[in-house]
Protein backbone atom coordinates (compact mmCIF):
# COMPACT_ATOMS: atom_id res chain seq x y z
CA MET A 1 1.41 8.57 -18.31
CA ARG A 2 -1.17 10.57 -16.29
CA GLY A 3 -3.72 10.93 -19.30
CA ILE A 4 -3.52 7.54 -19.46
CA ILE A 5 -4.06 6.86 -16.16
CA ASP A 6 -7.06 9.53 -16.08
CA GLU A 7 -8.57 7.87 -19.69
CA SER A 8 -8.59 4.58 -17.43
CA VAL A 9 -10.42 6.00 -14.72
CA SER A 10 -12.77 7.75 -16.79
CA THR A 11 -14.13 4.15 -18.90
CA VAL A 12 -14.31 2.87 -15.56
CA PHE A 13 -16.28 5.43 -14.52
CA ALA A 14 -18.49 5.67 -17.26
CA GLN A 15 -19.41 1.22 -16.93
CA LEU A 16 -19.87 1.96 -12.95
CA ASP A 17 -22.74 4.54 -14.41
CA ASP A 18 -23.91 2.16 -16.99
CA ALA A 19 -27.53 1.32 -16.21
CA GLU A 20 -26.87 -2.79 -16.71
CA ARG A 21 -23.39 -2.88 -15.62
CA GLY A 22 -23.07 -0.21 -12.61
CA PRO A 23 -25.39 -1.47 -9.82
CA GLU A 24 -23.19 -5.60 -10.72
CA ILE A 25 -19.88 -3.93 -10.45
CA ARG A 26 -20.46 -2.43 -7.11
CA ARG A 27 -22.29 -5.27 -5.29
CA ALA A 28 -19.47 -7.38 -6.47
CA SER A 29 -16.88 -4.66 -4.99
CA PHE A 30 -19.19 -4.50 -1.67
CA GLU A 31 -19.01 -8.13 -1.54
CA SER A 32 -15.31 -7.84 -1.69
CA ALA A 33 -14.51 -4.78 0.51
CA LEU A 34 -17.01 -7.42 3.00
CA ASN A 35 -14.62 -10.25 2.29
CA GLY A 36 -11.51 -7.88 3.29
CA ILE A 37 -13.49 -6.83 6.27
CA ARG A 38 -14.01 -10.23 7.26
CA SER A 39 -10.60 -11.51 7.05
CA GLY A 40 -8.56 -8.73 8.56
CA THR A 41 -6.94 -7.70 5.56
CA MET A 42 -7.84 -6.74 1.51
CA THR A 43 -6.84 -9.01 -1.54
CA TYR A 44 -9.28 -7.49 -3.63
CA GLU A 45 -10.42 -11.07 -4.57
CA GLY A 46 -13.80 -10.44 -6.34
CA ASP A 47 -13.45 -7.04 -6.94
CA ALA A 48 -14.87 -5.99 -10.42
CA LEU A 49 -13.01 -2.74 -10.28
CA LEU A 50 -9.69 -3.63 -10.02
CA PRO A 51 -9.44 -5.82 -12.99
CA MET A 52 -11.51 -3.24 -15.21
CA ILE A 53 -8.72 -0.56 -14.33
CA GLN A 54 -5.96 -2.81 -14.64
CA SER A 55 -6.63 -3.96 -18.27
CA GLU A 56 -7.54 -0.17 -19.39
CA ILE A 57 -4.23 0.49 -18.43
CA THR A 58 -2.47 -2.02 -20.05
CA SER A 59 -4.44 -1.76 -23.34
CA ARG A 60 -3.68 1.83 -23.53
CA LEU A 61 0.35 1.04 -22.35
CA GLY A 62 0.24 -1.33 -25.09
CA ARG A 63 0.85 1.51 -27.68
CA PHE A 64 3.83 2.81 -26.47
CA GLN A 65 5.53 -1.09 -26.01
CA GLY A 66 7.89 -1.76 -28.75
CA LEU A 67 9.35 1.82 -29.31
CA SER A 68 12.26 2.20 -30.63
CA LYS A 69 15.34 4.75 -28.62
CA GLU A 70 14.67 7.66 -31.01
CA GLU A 71 11.00 7.78 -30.17
CA GLU A 72 11.72 7.03 -26.63
CA SER A 73 13.86 9.52 -26.42
CA ALA A 74 11.67 12.57 -28.72
CA MET A 75 8.68 11.79 -26.56
CA LEU A 76 10.27 12.79 -23.47
CA ALA A 77 12.13 15.24 -24.06
CA LEU A 78 11.74 18.59 -22.24
CA THR A 79 10.37 20.81 -24.50
CA ALA A 80 11.87 24.60 -25.15
CA ALA A 81 9.78 26.45 -23.27
CA GLN A 82 10.19 24.00 -20.59
CA LYS A 83 13.76 24.25 -20.45
CA ASN A 84 13.96 27.27 -20.08
CA LEU A 85 11.66 27.41 -16.65
CA VAL A 86 13.76 24.11 -15.52
CA VAL A 87 16.53 27.07 -15.97
CA ALA A 88 15.00 30.03 -14.00
CA ASN A 89 14.26 27.93 -11.34
CA ASP A 90 17.34 26.87 -10.98
CA ARG A 91 19.17 30.00 -10.76
CA LYS A 92 16.43 31.81 -8.60
CA LEU A 93 16.35 28.93 -6.02
CA LYS A 94 20.43 29.09 -6.79
CA ASN A 95 20.30 33.11 -5.68
CA GLU A 96 17.95 32.74 -2.70
CA PHE A 97 19.78 29.90 -0.89
CA LEU A 98 23.20 32.25 -1.70
CA GLY A 99 21.30 34.90 -0.75
CA ALA A 100 20.28 33.84 2.50
CA ALA A 101 22.24 34.50 6.41
CA PRO A 102 23.13 31.38 7.86
CA ALA A 103 20.93 30.09 10.61
CA ILE A 104 22.25 31.37 13.81
CA ASN A 105 20.37 31.35 16.86
CA HIS A 106 22.67 33.08 19.08
CA GLY A 107 21.79 36.84 18.71
CA THR A 108 24.81 38.01 19.84
CA VAL A 109 26.81 36.68 16.62
CA LYS A 110 24.14 38.34 14.50
CA GLU A 111 24.77 41.58 15.36
CA THR A 112 28.61 41.58 14.88
CA ALA A 113 29.98 43.68 12.26
CA LYS A 114 31.62 40.76 10.56
CA PHE A 115 28.55 38.86 10.14
CA LYS A 116 26.06 41.92 8.88
CA ALA A 117 28.96 42.47 6.15
CA TYR A 118 29.06 38.96 5.28
CA ALA A 119 24.83 38.79 5.17
CA LEU A 120 24.99 42.08 3.10
CA MET A 121 27.51 40.66 0.59
CA ALA A 122 25.50 37.63 0.35
CA LYS A 123 22.59 39.07 -0.73
CA LYS A 124 24.62 41.82 -3.18
CA ALA A 125 26.04 38.62 -5.02
CA THR A 126 22.53 37.53 -5.29
CA GLU A 127 20.75 40.51 -7.10
């Protein structure tokens, strides 16, 4: 999805850089902004950029319509490397959570033998 957005925005920026269309697009957007300031609400009425971006995105998304469930699943499935990364991060975060001592602010409790023993046990269990 990010690639679709990036490609669409790049195409619109190329039109903005065009010597013929660029000034016309900028002027229409400026007028639209002034109308929004005058009315106190930005409605993008008369804005040239928003319809261009919407049109580009719609045309690029069109190739994904009509995909079968299998094609859609294959496109969205995680690769083996991505799955391994998720598992490794999950394990790491689980161990960090389980190995962390409870958030106790009372200094006297932290100095008790039971608390120290628990914190040591939790740390060893996750190593």
